[in-house]
Amino acid sequence: MRGRFFLMLGACAVLSACSQAEEKPQGRVIDCALAGAAKFTPDCFVQDSRSGDQHLLTVRHKDGAFRRFQMVDDGRGVIAADGADEASAKWTAEGVLEVTVAGDRYRFPARMKDDAPQS
């Protein structure tokens, strides 16, 4: 009887972990092209947060992976907030900030500052 109890308890823990992993990430949907994909799809979610005077954006992928960016006021839009890979950003003609980190690309709807350098 005791063995069945632990087996059932273990099964409940596994099911609980599975249901948590399958939950949809929270935040606003943005377009992304992950792992070198050519096409952008609305599969990423961005959340805003603050840490002291830093404005941070956490982008979550559907598979649970995430990247953090720091918003900056120097025309670049965002920089990588952590990790070994640097982010590069460019403004598109449509006024969208496209950010690339390693093989992942993200499109942030944003407004370009009037004094921001054009790419």
N, C-alpha and C. Protein backbone atom coordinates (compact mmCIF):
# COMPACT_ATOMS: atom_id res chain seq x y z
N MET A 1 0.82 -1.19 0.00
CA MET A 1 0.00 0.00 0.00
C MET A 1 0.87 1.26 0.00
N ARG A 2 1.90 1.23 0.81
CA ARG A 2 2.78 2.38 0.92
C ARG A 2 3.46 2.66 -0.43
N GLY A 3 3.86 1.62 -1.16
CA GLY A 3 4.50 1.78 -2.47
C GLY A 3 3.57 2.43 -3.47
N ARG A 4 2.29 2.04 -3.43
CA ARG A 4 1.31 2.64 -4.35
C ARG A 4 1.14 4.13 -4.07
N PHE A 5 1.15 4.49 -2.79
CA PHE A 5 1.00 5.90 -2.42
C PHE A 5 2.12 6.73 -3.02
N PHE A 6 3.37 6.27 -2.87
CA PHE A 6 4.50 7.02 -3.41
C PHE A 6 4.48 7.03 -4.93
N LEU A 7 4.02 5.94 -5.54
CA LEU A 7 3.91 5.89 -6.99
C LEU A 7 2.88 6.91 -7.47
N MET A 8 1.73 6.97 -6.79
CA MET A 8 0.69 7.93 -7.16
C MET A 8 1.17 9.36 -6.92
N LEU A 9 1.88 9.58 -5.82
CA LEU A 9 2.41 10.91 -5.52
C LEU A 9 3.41 11.32 -6.59
N GLY A 10 4.25 10.41 -7.02
CA GLY A 10 5.22 10.69 -8.08
C GLY A 10 4.52 11.00 -9.39
N ALA A 11 3.47 10.25 -9.72
CA ALA A 11 2.72 10.49 -10.95
C ALA A 11 2.06 11.86 -10.92
N CYS A 12 1.53 12.25 -9.78
CA CYS A 12 0.90 13.58 -9.67
C CYS A 12 1.94 14.67 -9.87
N ALA A 13 3.14 14.48 -9.30
CA ALA A 13 4.19 15.48 -9.46
C ALA A 13 4.60 15.61 -10.92
N VAL A 14 4.71 14.49 -11.63
CA VAL A 14 5.07 14.52 -13.04
C VAL A 14 3.99 15.21 -13.85
N LEU A 15 2.73 14.88 -13.60
CA LEU A 15 1.63 15.53 -14.32
C LEU A 15 1.58 17.02 -14.03
N SER A 16 1.83 17.39 -12.81
CA SER A 16 1.83 18.80 -12.45
C SER A 16 2.94 19.54 -13.18
N ALA A 17 4.12 18.96 -13.25
CA ALA A 17 5.23 19.58 -13.96
C ALA A 17 4.93 19.71 -15.43
N CYS A 18 4.30 18.71 -16.03
CA CYS A 18 3.97 18.77 -17.45
C CYS A 18 2.97 19.89 -17.72
N SER A 19 1.96 20.01 -16.86
CA SER A 19 0.95 21.04 -17.12
C SER A 19 1.55 22.42 -16.95
N GLN A 20 2.51 22.59 -16.04
CA GLN A 20 3.15 23.90 -15.88
C GLN A 20 4.01 24.23 -17.08
N ALA A 21 4.71 23.25 -17.63
CA ALA A 21 5.60 23.50 -18.77
C ALA A 21 4.81 23.86 -20.02
N GLU A 22 3.58 23.39 -20.12
CA GLU A 22 2.78 23.64 -21.31
C GLU A 22 1.98 24.94 -21.23
N GLU A 23 2.04 25.65 -20.09
CA GLU A 23 1.31 26.90 -19.96
C GLU A 23 1.88 27.92 -20.92
N LYS A 24 1.01 28.74 -21.47
CA LYS A 24 1.43 29.79 -22.39
C LYS A 24 2.17 30.88 -21.62
N PRO A 25 3.33 31.31 -22.13
CA PRO A 25 4.06 32.40 -21.45
C PRO A 25 3.19 33.65 -21.36
N GLN A 26 3.45 34.46 -20.35
CA GLN A 26 2.71 35.71 -20.14
C GLN A 26 3.40 36.85 -20.87
N GLY A 27 2.64 37.87 -21.22
CA GLY A 27 3.20 39.06 -21.82
C GLY A 27 2.57 39.37 -23.17
N ARG A 28 3.08 40.44 -23.78
CA ARG A 28 2.60 40.85 -25.11
C ARG A 28 3.26 39.98 -26.17
N VAL A 29 2.52 39.63 -27.17
CA VAL A 29 3.04 38.81 -28.27
C VAL A 29 3.88 39.68 -29.19
N ILE A 30 5.06 39.18 -29.58
CA ILE A 30 5.87 39.85 -30.59
C ILE A 30 6.31 38.81 -31.62
N ASP A 31 6.68 39.30 -32.78
CA ASP A 31 7.19 38.42 -33.83
C ASP A 31 8.64 38.08 -33.55
N CYS A 32 9.00 36.82 -33.85
CA CYS A 32 10.38 36.40 -33.69
C CYS A 32 10.71 35.35 -34.74
N ALA A 33 11.98 35.22 -35.03
CA ALA A 33 12.51 34.19 -35.94
C ALA A 33 13.64 33.52 -35.16
N LEU A 34 13.38 32.34 -34.64
CA LEU A 34 14.32 31.68 -33.72
C LEU A 34 15.20 30.67 -34.42
N ALA A 35 16.38 30.48 -33.87
CA ALA A 35 17.33 29.45 -34.33
C ALA A 35 17.62 29.57 -35.83
N GLY A 36 17.78 30.78 -36.31
CA GLY A 36 18.13 31.00 -37.71
C GLY A 36 16.97 30.91 -38.69
N ALA A 37 15.74 30.84 -38.21
CA ALA A 37 14.57 30.77 -39.09
C ALA A 37 14.50 32.02 -39.97
N ALA A 38 14.07 31.83 -41.21
CA ALA A 38 13.97 32.94 -42.16
C ALA A 38 12.70 33.75 -41.94
N LYS A 39 11.65 33.10 -41.49
CA LYS A 39 10.33 33.73 -41.38
C LYS A 39 10.03 34.11 -39.93
N PHE A 40 9.49 35.32 -39.75
CA PHE A 40 9.04 35.77 -38.44
C PHE A 40 7.65 35.21 -38.17
N THR A 41 7.41 34.77 -36.94
CA THR A 41 6.10 34.29 -36.51
C THR A 41 5.79 34.89 -35.14
N PRO A 42 4.51 35.03 -34.78
CA PRO A 42 4.14 35.63 -33.49
C PRO A 42 4.25 34.60 -32.35
N ASP A 43 5.47 34.11 -32.11
CA ASP A 43 5.67 33.02 -31.15
C ASP A 43 6.44 33.42 -29.90
N CYS A 44 6.69 34.72 -29.70
CA CYS A 44 7.43 35.15 -28.52
C CYS A 44 6.56 36.12 -27.71
N PHE A 45 6.90 36.23 -26.44
CA PHE A 45 6.13 37.05 -25.51
C PHE A 45 7.10 37.94 -24.74
N VAL A 46 6.77 39.22 -24.62
CA VAL A 46 7.67 40.15 -23.94
C VAL A 46 6.97 40.71 -22.70
N GLN A 47 7.77 40.81 -21.62
CA GLN A 47 7.29 41.38 -20.36
C GLN A 47 8.23 42.52 -19.97
N ASP A 48 7.64 43.62 -19.51
CA ASP A 48 8.40 44.77 -19.04
C ASP A 48 8.64 44.64 -17.54
N SER A 49 9.81 45.09 -17.09
CA SER A 49 10.08 45.15 -15.66
C SER A 49 11.10 46.26 -15.41
N ARG A 50 11.29 46.59 -14.17
CA ARG A 50 12.27 47.60 -13.78
C ARG A 50 13.17 47.02 -12.70
N SER A 51 14.44 47.39 -12.78
CA SER A 51 15.41 47.05 -11.75
C SER A 51 16.20 48.33 -11.48
N GLY A 52 15.84 49.01 -10.42
CA GLY A 52 16.42 50.33 -10.16
C GLY A 52 16.01 51.29 -11.26
N ASP A 53 16.98 51.91 -11.93
CA ASP A 53 16.65 52.83 -13.02
C ASP A 53 16.70 52.15 -14.38
N GLN A 54 16.90 50.84 -14.41
CA GLN A 54 16.94 50.10 -15.68
C GLN A 54 15.54 49.61 -16.07
N HIS A 55 15.21 49.80 -17.33
CA HIS A 55 13.96 49.27 -17.89
C HIS A 55 14.33 48.01 -18.65
N LEU A 56 13.81 46.86 -18.21
CA LEU A 56 14.16 45.57 -18.80
C LEU A 56 13.01 44.97 -19.58
N LEU A 57 13.34 44.25 -20.63
CA LEU A 57 12.38 43.50 -21.41
C LEU A 57 12.82 42.04 -21.38
N THR A 58 11.95 41.16 -20.94
CA THR A 58 12.23 39.73 -20.95
C THR A 58 11.39 39.11 -22.05
N VAL A 59 12.07 38.49 -23.02
CA VAL A 59 11.38 37.85 -24.13
C VAL A 59 11.40 36.35 -23.87
N ARG A 60 10.22 35.76 -23.85
CA ARG A 60 10.10 34.32 -23.60
C ARG A 60 9.68 33.61 -24.88
N HIS A 61 10.33 32.47 -25.11
CA HIS A 61 9.98 31.61 -26.24
C HIS A 61 8.96 30.58 -25.75
N LYS A 62 8.21 30.00 -26.66
CA LYS A 62 7.22 29.00 -26.28
C LYS A 62 7.84 27.77 -25.61
N ASP A 63 9.11 27.47 -25.93
CA ASP A 63 9.76 26.30 -25.35
C ASP A 63 10.34 26.55 -23.95
N GLY A 64 10.15 27.76 -23.43
CA GLY A 64 10.63 28.08 -22.09
C GLY A 64 11.93 28.88 -22.08
N ALA A 65 12.65 28.93 -23.19
CA ALA A 65 13.87 29.72 -23.25
C ALA A 65 13.51 31.21 -23.17
N PHE A 66 14.47 32.03 -22.78
CA PHE A 66 14.19 33.47 -22.71
C PHE A 66 15.48 34.26 -22.91
N ARG A 67 15.30 35.53 -23.24
CA ARG A 67 16.40 36.50 -23.34
C ARG A 67 15.95 37.77 -22.63
N ARG A 68 16.93 38.46 -22.03
CA ARG A 68 16.62 39.73 -21.37
C ARG A 68 17.37 40.85 -22.06
N PHE A 69 16.67 41.96 -22.25
CA PHE A 69 17.25 43.14 -22.87
C PHE A 69 17.04 44.33 -21.95
N GLN A 70 17.94 45.30 -22.06
CA GLN A 70 17.80 46.55 -21.33
C GLN A 70 17.52 47.65 -22.34
N MET A 71 16.48 48.44 -22.09
CA MET A 71 16.17 49.57 -22.96
C MET A 71 17.18 50.68 -22.68
N VAL A 72 17.66 51.30 -23.77
CA VAL A 72 18.62 52.40 -23.64
C VAL A 72 18.13 53.59 -24.46
N ASP A 73 18.57 54.77 -24.06
CA ASP A 73 18.12 56.03 -24.68
C ASP A 73 19.11 56.61 -25.67
N ASP A 74 20.01 55.82 -26.21
CA ASP A 74 21.04 56.36 -27.09
C ASP A 74 20.78 56.09 -28.57
N GLY A 75 19.54 55.72 -28.90
CA GLY A 75 19.20 55.47 -30.30
C GLY A 75 19.25 54.01 -30.69
N ARG A 76 19.94 53.17 -29.90
CA ARG A 76 20.02 51.75 -30.23
C ARG A 76 18.73 51.02 -29.90
N GLY A 77 17.98 51.48 -28.94
CA GLY A 77 16.74 50.83 -28.54
C GLY A 77 16.94 49.90 -27.36
N VAL A 78 17.65 48.78 -27.58
CA VAL A 78 17.91 47.83 -26.50
C VAL A 78 19.32 47.25 -26.65
N ILE A 79 19.84 46.74 -25.53
CA ILE A 79 21.09 46.00 -25.51
C ILE A 79 20.83 44.72 -24.71
N ALA A 80 21.69 43.73 -24.87
CA ALA A 80 21.56 42.50 -24.09
C ALA A 80 21.77 42.84 -22.62
N ALA A 81 20.88 42.35 -21.76
CA ALA A 81 21.00 42.64 -20.33
C ALA A 81 21.87 41.61 -19.63
N ASP A 82 22.02 40.44 -20.19
CA ASP A 82 22.87 39.42 -19.61
C ASP A 82 23.19 38.37 -20.67
N GLY A 83 24.04 37.44 -20.32
CA GLY A 83 24.43 36.41 -21.29
C GLY A 83 25.70 36.79 -22.02
N ALA A 84 26.26 35.84 -22.73
CA ALA A 84 27.53 36.04 -23.43
C ALA A 84 27.35 36.66 -24.81
N ASP A 85 26.17 36.52 -25.40
CA ASP A 85 25.94 37.02 -26.75
C ASP A 85 25.50 38.48 -26.73
N GLU A 86 26.09 39.28 -27.61
CA GLU A 86 25.70 40.67 -27.73
C GLU A 86 24.50 40.79 -28.67
N ALA A 87 23.70 41.80 -28.43
CA ALA A 87 22.55 42.08 -29.28
C ALA A 87 22.90 43.19 -30.25
N SER A 88 22.42 43.06 -31.48
CA SER A 88 22.52 44.17 -32.43
C SER A 88 21.10 44.55 -32.81
N ALA A 89 20.89 45.84 -32.94
CA ALA A 89 19.54 46.33 -33.22
C ALA A 89 19.57 47.28 -34.40
N LYS A 90 18.49 47.25 -35.19
CA LYS A 90 18.34 48.20 -36.29
C LYS A 90 16.87 48.55 -36.41
N TRP A 91 16.64 49.76 -36.86
CA TRP A 91 15.28 50.23 -37.09
C TRP A 91 14.89 49.92 -38.52
N THR A 92 13.70 49.36 -38.71
CA THR A 92 13.22 49.09 -40.06
C THR A 92 12.50 50.33 -40.58
N ALA A 93 12.23 50.36 -41.86
CA ALA A 93 11.51 51.48 -42.47
C ALA A 93 10.11 51.62 -41.89
N GLU A 94 9.56 50.52 -41.37
CA GLU A 94 8.21 50.53 -40.79
C GLU A 94 8.20 51.01 -39.34
N GLY A 95 9.36 51.40 -38.80
CA GLY A 95 9.42 51.87 -37.42
C GLY A 95 9.43 50.76 -36.40
N VAL A 96 9.91 49.59 -36.79
CA VAL A 96 10.00 48.45 -35.89
C VAL A 96 11.46 48.24 -35.53
N LEU A 97 11.72 47.98 -34.26
CA LEU A 97 13.08 47.70 -33.82
C LEU A 97 13.33 46.20 -33.97
N GLU A 98 14.26 45.84 -34.85
CA GLU A 98 14.60 44.44 -35.06
C GLU A 98 15.91 44.14 -34.35
N VAL A 99 15.88 43.21 -33.42
CA VAL A 99 17.02 42.88 -32.58
C VAL A 99 17.48 41.46 -32.89
N THR A 100 18.80 41.30 -33.06
CA THR A 100 19.39 39.99 -33.35
C THR A 100 20.35 39.61 -32.23
N VAL A 101 20.22 38.39 -31.74
CA VAL A 101 21.13 37.83 -30.75
C VAL A 101 21.40 36.39 -31.17
N ALA A 102 22.68 36.09 -31.44
CA ALA A 102 23.05 34.76 -31.93
C ALA A 102 22.17 34.45 -33.13
N GLY A 103 21.45 33.35 -33.17
CA GLY A 103 20.61 33.01 -34.31
C GLY A 103 19.16 33.40 -34.15
N ASP A 104 18.84 34.20 -33.12
CA ASP A 104 17.46 34.60 -32.85
C ASP A 104 17.25 36.06 -33.22
N ARG A 105 16.07 36.33 -33.81
CA ARG A 105 15.71 37.71 -34.16
C ARG A 105 14.33 38.03 -33.58
N TYR A 106 14.19 39.26 -33.13
CA TYR A 106 12.94 39.72 -32.49
C TYR A 106 12.54 41.04 -33.11
N ARG A 107 11.25 41.27 -33.22
CA ARG A 107 10.71 42.55 -33.70
C ARG A 107 9.89 43.18 -32.60
N PHE A 108 10.39 44.33 -32.14
CA PHE A 108 9.71 45.09 -31.10
C PHE A 108 9.00 46.28 -31.73
N PRO A 109 7.69 46.38 -31.61
CA PRO A 109 7.02 47.59 -32.08
C PRO A 109 7.47 48.74 -31.19
N ALA A 110 8.01 49.77 -31.78
CA ALA A 110 8.56 50.87 -31.00
C ALA A 110 8.55 52.13 -31.84
N ARG A 111 8.82 53.25 -31.18
CA ARG A 111 8.92 54.52 -31.87
C ARG A 111 10.37 54.95 -31.89
N MET A 112 10.88 55.30 -33.03
CA MET A 112 12.25 55.75 -33.15
C MET A 112 12.34 57.20 -32.65
N LYS A 113 13.37 57.48 -31.86
CA LYS A 113 13.60 58.85 -31.42
C LYS A 113 14.00 59.68 -32.62
N ASP A 114 13.64 60.96 -32.61
CA ASP A 114 13.96 61.85 -33.73
C ASP A 114 15.46 61.96 -33.98
N ASP A 115 16.28 61.85 -32.92
CA ASP A 115 17.72 61.98 -33.10
C ASP A 115 18.44 60.64 -33.21
N ALA A 116 17.68 59.54 -33.38
CA ALA A 116 18.30 58.21 -33.48
C ALA A 116 18.98 58.06 -34.84
N PRO A 117 20.15 57.42 -34.87
CA PRO A 117 20.84 57.21 -36.14
C PRO A 117 20.06 56.26 -37.04
N GLN A 118 20.01 56.53 -38.31
CA GLN A 118 19.32 55.68 -39.27
C GLN A 118 20.25 54.56 -39.71
N SER A 119 19.71 53.32 -39.89
CA SER A 119 20.53 52.20 -40.37
C SER A 119 20.18 51.90 -41.81
